[in-house]
Amino acid sequence: MQQLEIYQSLWAMEQRRPGQPEPSPEQHFARIAAAGYAGVCLDPGLSEIEDSLALKPLFEQHQLGCMVNAFPETVAELKPLLAMAKELNACQVNVIGGVMPLQARDAVPVLRQWLADGEAAQIQLLFETHRDSTLNDLYYTLEILEALPELRLCADLSHFVVDREFRAPISQRDQAWIDTILQRSDCFQGRVANREQIQVQLAFPQHQEWVEIFKGWWRQGIAGWRERNDGEATLRFLCELGPPSYAITDASGLELSDRWEEALLIRSWIENIWSELDSQP
């Protein structure tokens, strides 16, 4: 039977409130576990490997799965990040590469090497759609997908909405591009954007059109994943509502909404989508 696992980002647990200390990793892990998430996602670059490995006892203590968003700045840096992920028993690694050739064709050898590194490490390797990374731009990514049919994505669609300044309602042309991205995606991330803001407040009336657009895309992506995969596969969805400056703040540097509660809301939407698809013949 296909399974759904919903993870919470450790980066998204950062509060960055003026004049207030940050909670400890121990506090974050305890809160994530108490809320019933399946696991925690880490976001290390090469210099943060030791700090990430130090969290292994917390994963074990709270019986939480590990996901890794890896940030290699060179081709060679992915291998040690994959070794770290293996040590943490990570379910998958989503690559947000810092190698960014100007032409898509010049990125193909880089991505081929990283795919080979993932295969050698025997870990599921996906490539995240993310600004300021190898897959910075929607059109560039579409060229990559055509050149590398074996490459699979972790879809954070918020970046492409801002990247291409999509208008609502979504045009047939833009929806066709998103269709291609969703068909090539094996993991999805939870954040709602509009054409000018990477992360909007989920309850504000002015953002409801975009909330519905993203819920529709997640439903489409999840339904497509279920059709492509066998009955024993597991889909992982990552709630990743970033701290300031992803989160919009007021003049005092305080956020306009509660990201923890918003992440739980997104989780409920995804669980409902999964249940509704379960009930379909």
Protein backbone atom coordinates (compact mmCIF):
# COMPACT_ATOMS: atom_id res chain seq x y z
CA MET A 1 0.00 0.00 0.00
CA GLN A 2 1.37 3.42 -0.95
CA GLN A 3 2.38 5.60 1.98
CA LEU A 4 2.55 9.35 2.61
CA GLU A 5 5.18 10.81 4.93
CA ILE A 6 5.22 14.49 5.80
CA TYR A 7 8.47 16.06 6.99
CA GLN A 8 9.21 19.37 8.68
CA SER A 9 12.24 21.48 7.82
CA LEU A 10 14.66 22.23 10.66
CA TRP A 11 15.59 25.49 8.92
CA ALA A 12 11.90 26.43 8.97
CA MET A 13 11.91 26.05 12.77
CA GLU A 14 14.25 29.04 13.12
CA GLN A 15 12.40 32.01 14.59
CA ARG A 16 14.83 34.94 14.14
CA ARG A 17 12.83 37.17 16.48
CA PRO A 18 14.61 40.40 17.39
CA GLY A 19 16.16 40.21 20.86
CA GLN A 20 15.11 36.60 21.52
CA PRO A 21 17.35 33.53 21.67
CA GLU A 22 16.74 30.65 19.29
CA PRO A 23 15.31 27.41 20.70
CA SER A 24 17.76 24.52 20.75
CA PRO A 25 17.78 21.64 18.25
CA GLU A 26 16.58 19.44 21.11
CA GLN A 27 13.52 21.65 21.53
CA HIS A 28 12.85 21.69 17.80
CA PHE A 29 13.08 17.92 17.46
CA ALA A 30 10.81 17.37 20.45
CA ARG A 31 8.20 19.75 19.04
CA ILE A 32 8.32 18.17 15.58
CA ALA A 33 7.96 14.68 17.04
CA ALA A 34 5.10 15.70 19.34
CA ALA A 35 3.24 17.15 16.36
CA GLY A 36 3.36 13.79 14.58
CA TYR A 37 5.64 14.57 11.65
CA ALA A 38 7.38 11.62 10.03
CA GLY A 39 10.77 13.28 10.03
CA VAL A 40 13.06 16.29 9.87
CA CYS A 41 14.84 17.79 6.87
CA LEU A 42 18.36 19.20 7.21
CA ASP A 43 19.92 21.80 4.87
CA PRO A 44 23.70 21.40 5.07
CA GLY A 45 26.51 22.65 2.96
CA LEU A 46 29.97 21.11 3.16
CA SER A 47 30.99 23.14 6.22
CA GLU A 48 27.92 21.99 8.16
CA ILE A 49 28.43 18.23 7.86
CA GLU A 50 29.78 17.80 11.40
CA ASP A 51 26.93 19.83 12.91
CA SER A 52 24.43 17.71 10.98
CA LEU A 53 26.00 14.43 12.09
CA ALA A 54 25.78 15.62 15.68
CA LEU A 55 21.98 15.54 15.35
CA LYS A 56 21.90 11.77 14.80
CA PRO A 57 21.06 11.00 18.45
CA LEU A 58 18.03 13.31 18.21
CA PHE A 59 16.73 11.45 15.15
CA GLU A 60 17.13 8.19 17.04
CA GLN A 61 15.70 9.49 20.31
CA HIS A 62 12.53 10.81 18.67
CA GLN A 63 12.28 8.06 16.04
CA LEU A 64 12.17 10.60 13.24
CA GLY A 65 13.19 10.03 9.65
CA CYS A 66 15.87 12.16 8.01
CA MET A 67 15.69 14.01 4.71
CA VAL A 68 18.57 16.11 3.38
CA ASN A 69 18.55 19.22 1.22
CA ALA A 70 22.20 19.25 0.13
CA PHE A 71 24.00 22.42 -0.99
CA PRO A 72 27.15 21.43 -2.91
CA GLU A 73 29.04 24.47 -4.19
CA THR A 74 31.29 22.39 -6.45
CA VAL A 75 30.87 19.12 -8.32
CA ALA A 76 33.10 17.33 -5.83
CA GLU A 77 31.23 18.54 -2.74
CA LEU A 78 28.21 16.30 -3.26
CA LYS A 79 30.05 13.06 -2.38
CA PRO A 80 30.80 13.98 1.26
CA LEU A 81 27.25 15.29 1.65
CA LEU A 82 25.92 11.96 0.38
CA ALA A 83 28.17 10.12 2.83
CA MET A 84 26.73 12.26 5.63
CA ALA A 85 23.19 11.48 4.45
CA LYS A 86 23.95 7.75 4.50
CA GLU A 87 25.31 8.03 8.04
CA LEU A 88 22.05 9.71 9.07
CA ASN A 89 19.99 7.03 7.28
CA ALA A 90 18.41 9.71 5.12
CA CYS A 91 15.45 8.63 2.99
CA GLN A 92 16.52 10.90 0.12
CA VAL A 93 18.76 13.81 -0.83
CA ASN A 94 17.44 16.86 -2.67
CA VAL A 95 20.27 18.71 -4.40
CA ILE A 96 20.30 22.51 -4.48
CA GLY A 97 23.48 22.92 -6.45
CA GLY A 98 25.76 25.93 -6.38
CA VAL A 99 27.23 25.04 -9.77
CA MET A 100 25.33 27.27 -12.19
CA PRO A 101 26.57 27.32 -15.80
CA LEU A 102 25.09 30.08 -17.92
CA GLN A 103 23.90 27.63 -20.58
CA ALA A 104 21.72 24.62 -19.74
CA ARG A 105 23.80 22.37 -22.01
CA ASP A 106 26.85 23.12 -19.85
CA ALA A 107 24.99 21.98 -16.73
CA VAL A 108 24.29 18.53 -18.19
CA PRO A 109 27.76 17.04 -17.42
CA VAL A 110 27.53 18.39 -13.85
CA LEU A 111 24.12 16.82 -13.31
CA ARG A 112 25.22 13.54 -14.89
CA GLN A 113 28.12 13.36 -12.44
CA TRP A 114 25.84 14.05 -9.49
CA LEU A 115 23.39 11.40 -10.69
CA ALA A 116 26.28 8.93 -10.87
CA ASP A 117 27.36 9.93 -7.36
CA GLY A 118 23.84 9.30 -6.06
CA GLU A 119 23.68 5.91 -7.76
CA ALA A 120 27.06 4.93 -6.30
CA ALA A 121 25.89 5.98 -2.85
CA GLN A 122 22.66 4.00 -3.31
CA ILE A 123 20.45 6.84 -2.14
CA GLN A 124 17.47 8.48 -3.83
CA LEU A 125 18.74 11.67 -5.42
CA LEU A 126 16.38 14.42 -6.54
CA PHE A 127 17.10 17.93 -7.81
CA GLU A 128 15.19 20.77 -6.25
CA THR A 129 13.60 23.55 -8.28
CA HIS A 130 15.14 26.50 -6.49
CA ARG A 131 16.33 30.01 -7.33
CA ASP A 132 20.04 30.75 -7.02
CA SER A 133 20.86 27.14 -7.78
CA THR A 134 21.52 24.87 -10.75
CA LEU A 135 17.78 24.74 -11.52
CA ASN A 136 17.31 28.47 -10.98
CA ASP A 137 14.98 29.13 -13.89
CA LEU A 138 11.91 27.33 -15.20
CA TYR A 139 12.89 27.45 -18.87
CA TYR A 140 16.48 26.39 -18.10
CA THR A 141 15.06 23.48 -16.07
CA LEU A 142 12.81 22.42 -18.94
CA GLU A 143 15.85 22.24 -21.20
CA ILE A 144 17.66 20.13 -18.59
CA LEU A 145 14.72 17.73 -18.31
CA GLU A 146 14.71 17.23 -22.06
CA ALA A 147 18.44 16.50 -22.08
CA LEU A 148 18.36 14.19 -19.04
CA PRO A 149 15.21 12.03 -19.08
CA GLU A 150 16.47 10.10 -16.03
CA LEU A 151 16.62 13.20 -13.82
CA ARG A 152 13.88 13.48 -11.17
CA LEU A 153 12.82 16.58 -9.27
CA CYS A 154 11.85 17.76 -5.84
CA ALA A 155 9.28 20.41 -6.72
CA ASP A 156 9.24 23.67 -4.81
CA LEU A 157 6.96 25.49 -7.21
CA SER A 158 7.11 28.77 -5.30
CA HIS A 159 10.48 29.54 -6.88
CA PHE A 160 9.18 29.23 -10.43
CA VAL A 161 6.11 31.36 -9.67
CA VAL A 162 8.42 34.20 -8.62
CA ASP A 163 11.09 33.41 -11.21
CA ARG A 164 8.66 33.74 -14.14
CA GLU A 165 6.25 36.16 -12.38
CA PHE A 166 3.28 33.92 -13.13
CA ARG A 167 -0.04 35.72 -13.30
CA ALA A 168 -3.25 34.45 -11.75
CA PRO A 169 -5.28 32.85 -13.13
CA ILE A 170 -2.57 30.61 -14.57
CA SER A 171 -2.37 30.71 -18.35
CA GLN A 172 -2.54 27.56 -20.46
CA ARG A 173 1.09 28.09 -21.47
CA ASP A 174 2.34 28.35 -17.88
CA GLN A 175 0.19 25.44 -16.75
CA ALA A 176 1.69 23.29 -19.49
CA TRP A 177 5.19 24.07 -18.15
CA ILE A 178 4.07 23.18 -14.61
CA ASP A 179 2.54 19.95 -15.93
CA THR A 180 5.99 18.91 -17.15
CA ILE A 181 7.62 19.78 -13.82
CA LEU A 182 5.01 17.81 -11.87
CA GLN A 183 5.37 14.78 -14.13
CA ARG A 184 9.09 14.69 -13.34
CA SER A 185 8.69 15.24 -9.57
CA ASP A 186 8.93 12.59 -6.86
CA CYS A 187 8.75 14.92 -3.84
CA PHE A 188 6.87 18.16 -3.18
CA GLN A 189 7.50 21.08 -0.87
CA GLY A 190 4.93 23.15 0.97
CA ARG A 191 5.03 26.91 0.48
CA VAL A 192 2.63 29.28 -1.26
CA ALA A 193 3.96 32.17 -3.34
CA ASN A 194 2.53 34.82 -5.60
CA ARG A 195 4.19 36.44 -8.58
CA GLU A 196 6.10 38.94 -6.42
CA GLN A 197 6.49 37.24 -3.01
CA ILE A 198 8.13 33.90 -2.33
CA GLN A 199 6.09 33.11 0.80
CA VAL A 200 2.67 34.57 1.54
CA GLN A 201 0.43 34.29 4.60
CA LEU A 202 -2.04 31.47 4.12
CA ALA A 203 -5.04 33.01 5.87
CA PHE A 204 -4.94 36.51 4.37
CA PRO A 205 -7.92 37.09 2.02
CA GLN A 206 -5.76 38.63 -0.71
CA HIS A 207 -3.75 35.40 -1.03
CA GLN A 208 -6.60 32.90 -1.35
CA GLU A 209 -6.42 32.69 -5.14
CA TRP A 210 -2.79 31.60 -4.88
CA VAL A 211 -3.55 29.20 -2.02
CA GLU A 212 -6.05 27.43 -4.27
CA ILE A 213 -3.61 27.38 -7.20
CA PHE A 214 -0.95 25.66 -5.08
CA LYS A 215 -3.42 23.20 -3.57
CA GLY A 216 -4.46 22.29 -7.12
CA TRP A 217 -0.85 21.79 -8.18
CA TRP A 218 -0.12 19.60 -5.14
CA ARG A 219 -3.18 17.50 -5.85
CA GLN A 220 -2.12 17.12 -9.48
CA GLY A 221 1.44 16.24 -8.53
CA ILE A 222 0.43 13.72 -5.88
CA ALA A 223 -2.13 12.08 -8.16
CA GLY A 224 0.46 11.76 -10.91
CA TRP A 225 3.02 10.30 -8.49
CA ARG A 226 0.50 7.68 -7.33
CA GLU A 227 -0.23 6.64 -10.91
CA ARG A 228 3.51 6.27 -11.72
CA ASN A 229 4.53 4.30 -8.65
CA ASP A 230 3.81 0.81 -7.39
CA GLY A 231 1.79 -0.12 -4.34
CA GLU A 232 4.76 -0.21 -1.94
CA ALA A 233 6.14 3.26 -2.71
CA THR A 234 6.35 6.14 -0.22
CA LEU A 235 5.76 9.79 -1.15
CA ARG A 236 7.43 12.41 1.01
CA PHE A 237 6.13 15.94 1.31
CA LEU A 238 8.20 18.63 3.02
CA CYS A 239 6.67 21.56 4.91
CA GLU A 240 9.24 24.33 4.47
CA LEU A 241 8.01 27.75 5.49
CA GLY A 242 11.20 29.74 5.83
CA PRO A 243 12.10 32.26 8.54
CA PRO A 244 12.71 35.94 7.75
CA SER A 245 13.53 37.11 5.16
CA TYR A 246 11.42 34.43 3.47
CA ALA A 247 8.72 35.26 5.98
CA ILE A 248 7.44 38.82 5.60
CA THR A 249 7.91 41.02 8.68
CA ASP A 250 6.57 44.30 10.01
CA ALA A 251 8.58 47.40 10.92
CA SER A 252 9.65 45.77 14.19
CA GLY A 253 10.99 42.67 12.45
CA LEU A 254 8.09 40.51 13.67
CA GLU A 255 6.34 38.07 11.33
CA LEU A 256 2.80 38.66 10.10
CA SER A 257 1.65 35.09 10.72
CA ASP A 258 2.48 31.94 12.71
CA ARG A 259 4.58 29.70 10.44
CA TRP A 260 4.29 26.70 12.75
CA GLU A 261 0.50 26.76 12.54
CA GLU A 262 0.66 27.41 8.79
CA ALA A 263 2.87 24.35 8.31
CA LEU A 264 0.34 22.25 10.22
CA LEU A 265 -2.38 23.68 7.96
CA ILE A 266 -0.46 22.71 4.82
CA ARG A 267 0.07 19.25 6.30
CA SER A 268 -3.68 18.88 6.83
CA TRP A 269 -4.32 19.89 3.22
CA ILE A 270 -1.89 17.26 1.95
CA GLU A 271 -3.34 14.58 4.21
CA ASN A 272 -6.82 15.43 2.96
CA ILE A 273 -5.68 15.27 -0.67
CA TRP A 274 -4.12 11.87 -0.02
CA SER A 275 -7.28 10.58 1.67
CA GLU A 276 -9.49 11.86 -1.14
CA LEU A 277 -7.30 10.13 -3.72
CA ASP A 278 -7.46 6.96 -1.59
CA SER A 279 -11.23 6.99 -1.86
CA GLN A 280 -11.27 7.25 -5.65
CA PRO A 281 -11.79 3.99 -7.56
